[in-house]
Amino acid sequence: MTWKGFWEGIASLFENVLFIPYNALAKVELDSWWLANIVSWTLLLTGAIAFTYWMIKLKSFNESTESTYTYNENP
């Protein structure tokens, strides 16, 4: 397998498999702007939820008094 074949395989995967939902949406005439951008809104909502979860976990980690070092701090 060559590098050219590798990159052509990735291109084929995206064009023939992963873009099927986008191609289906492109063929349908949607009058609503909100409905036309449903994939974008779904990704935005997922990202916002993940960011909120991450910030909550980071806050609990920073407030934790448990030592995170692997060595003995008081020899």
C-alpha atoms as a PDB file:
ATOM      1  CA  MET A   1       0.000   0.000   0.000  1.00  0.00           C
ATOM      2  CA  THR A   2       1.312   3.407  -0.938  1.00  0.00           C
ATOM      3  CA  TRP A   3       0.675   6.708   0.768  1.00  0.00           C
ATOM      4  CA  LYS A   4      -1.401   7.778  -2.213  1.00  0.00           C
ATOM      5  CA  GLY A   5      -3.618   4.730  -1.782  1.00  0.00           C
ATOM      6  CA  PHE A   6      -3.934   5.453   1.941  1.00  0.00           C
ATOM      7  CA  TRP A   7      -5.138   9.022   1.385  1.00  0.00           C
ATOM      8  CA  GLU A   8      -7.436   7.972  -1.462  1.00  0.00           C
ATOM      9  CA  GLY A   9      -8.970   5.390   0.877  1.00  0.00           C
ATOM     10  CA  ILE A  10      -9.660   8.066   3.485  1.00  0.00           C
ATOM     11  CA  ALA A  11     -11.163  10.328   0.787  1.00  0.00           C
ATOM     12  CA  SER A  12     -13.348   7.469  -0.416  1.00  0.00           C
ATOM     13  CA  LEU A  13     -14.534   6.756   3.139  1.00  0.00           C
ATOM     14  CA  PHE A  14     -15.615  10.340   3.648  1.00  0.00           C
ATOM     15  CA  GLU A  15     -17.161  10.859   0.216  1.00  0.00           C
ATOM     16  CA  ASN A  16     -19.003   7.541  -0.053  1.00  0.00           C
ATOM     17  CA  VAL A  17     -19.908   6.710   3.549  1.00  0.00           C
ATOM     18  CA  LEU A  18     -19.636   9.512   6.089  1.00  0.00           C
ATOM     19  CA  PHE A  19     -21.225  12.241   3.958  1.00  0.00           C
ATOM     20  CA  ILE A  20     -24.393  10.230   3.228  1.00  0.00           C
ATOM     21  CA  PRO A  21     -26.498  12.268   5.721  1.00  0.00           C
ATOM     22  CA  TYR A  22     -25.257  15.538   4.238  1.00  0.00           C
ATOM     23  CA  ASN A  23     -25.973  14.374   0.702  1.00  0.00           C
ATOM     24  CA  ALA A  24     -29.495  13.350   1.738  1.00  0.00           C
ATOM     25  CA  LEU A  25     -30.097  16.773   3.300  1.00  0.00           C
ATOM     26  CA  ALA A  26     -28.758  18.502   0.190  1.00  0.00           C
ATOM     27  CA  LYS A  27     -31.319  16.728  -2.013  1.00  0.00           C
ATOM     28  CA  VAL A  28     -34.252  17.793   0.175  1.00  0.00           C
ATOM     29  CA  GLU A  29     -35.528  21.332  -0.228  1.00  0.00           C
ATOM     30  CA  LEU A  30     -35.845  22.725   3.280  1.00  0.00           C
ATOM     31  CA  ASP A  31     -37.707  25.992   3.836  1.00  0.00           C
ATOM     32  CA  SER A  32     -36.629  26.411   7.443  1.00  0.00           C
ATOM     33  CA  TRP A  33     -33.139  27.692   8.187  1.00  0.00           C
ATOM     34  CA  TRP A  34     -33.199  25.933  11.558  1.00  0.00           C
ATOM     35  CA  LEU A  35     -34.059  22.574  10.025  1.00  0.00           C
ATOM     36  CA  ALA A  36     -31.442  22.988   7.297  1.00  0.00           C
ATOM     37  CA  ASN A  37     -28.743  23.424   9.936  1.00  0.00           C
ATOM     38  CA  ILE A  38     -29.838  20.583  12.229  1.00  0.00           C
ATOM     39  CA  VAL A  39     -26.441  18.832  12.057  1.00  0.00           C
ATOM     40  CA  SER A  40     -24.639  22.023  13.035  1.00  0.00           C
ATOM     41  CA  TRP A  41     -27.017  22.625  15.931  1.00  0.00           C
ATOM     42  CA  THR A  42     -26.606  19.032  17.113  1.00  0.00           C
ATOM     43  CA  LEU A  43     -22.814  19.327  17.105  1.00  0.00           C
ATOM     44  CA  LEU A  44     -22.968  22.701  18.842  1.00  0.00           C
ATOM     45  CA  LEU A  45     -25.249  21.340  21.562  1.00  0.00           C
ATOM     46  CA  THR A  46     -23.062  18.266  22.053  1.00  0.00           C
ATOM     47  CA  GLY A  47     -19.970  20.459  22.350  1.00  0.00           C
ATOM     48  CA  ALA A  48     -21.654  22.754  24.880  1.00  0.00           C
ATOM     49  CA  ILE A  49     -22.712  19.802  27.030  1.00  0.00           C
ATOM     50  CA  ALA A  50     -19.223  18.282  26.887  1.00  0.00           C
ATOM     51  CA  PHE A  51     -17.630  21.642  27.770  1.00  0.00           C
ATOM     52  CA  THR A  52     -19.954  22.087  30.755  1.00  0.00           C
ATOM     53  CA  TYR A  53     -19.210  18.566  31.992  1.00  0.00           C
ATOM     54  CA  TRP A  54     -15.481  19.192  31.602  1.00  0.00           C
ATOM     55  CA  MET A  55     -15.645  22.467  33.561  1.00  0.00           C
ATOM     56  CA  ILE A  56     -17.588  20.818  36.402  1.00  0.00           C
ATOM     57  CA  LYS A  57     -15.028  17.998  36.637  1.00  0.00           C
ATOM     58  CA  LEU A  58     -12.157  20.506  36.497  1.00  0.00           C
ATOM     59  CA  LYS A  59     -13.728  22.541  39.310  1.00  0.00           C
ATOM     60  CA  SER A  60     -14.157  19.456  41.490  1.00  0.00           C
ATOM     61  CA  PHE A  61     -10.543  18.450  40.778  1.00  0.00           C
ATOM     62  CA  ASN A  62      -9.245  21.901  41.739  1.00  0.00           C
ATOM     63  CA  GLU A  63     -11.309  21.936  44.941  1.00  0.00           C
ATOM     64  CA  SER A  64     -10.110  18.487  45.951  1.00  0.00           C
ATOM     65  CA  THR A  65      -7.659  18.449  48.860  1.00  0.00           C
ATOM     66  CA  GLU A  66      -6.401  14.988  48.002  1.00  0.00           C
ATOM     67  CA  SER A  67      -2.741  14.859  47.034  1.00  0.00           C
ATOM     68  CA  THR A  68      -2.127  14.073  43.389  1.00  0.00           C
ATOM     69  CA  TYR A  69       1.626  13.523  43.649  1.00  0.00           C
ATOM     70  CA  THR A  70       3.169  10.090  43.294  1.00  0.00           C
ATOM     71  CA  TYR A  71       5.965  10.729  45.761  1.00  0.00           C
ATOM     72  CA  ASN A  72       5.883  11.300  49.491  1.00  0.00           C
ATOM     73  CA  GLU A  73       5.565  15.034  50.144  1.00  0.00           C
ATOM     74  CA  ASN A  74       6.679  14.764  53.790  1.00  0.00           C
ATOM     75  CA  PRO A  75       9.664  12.417  53.970  1.00  0.00           C
END
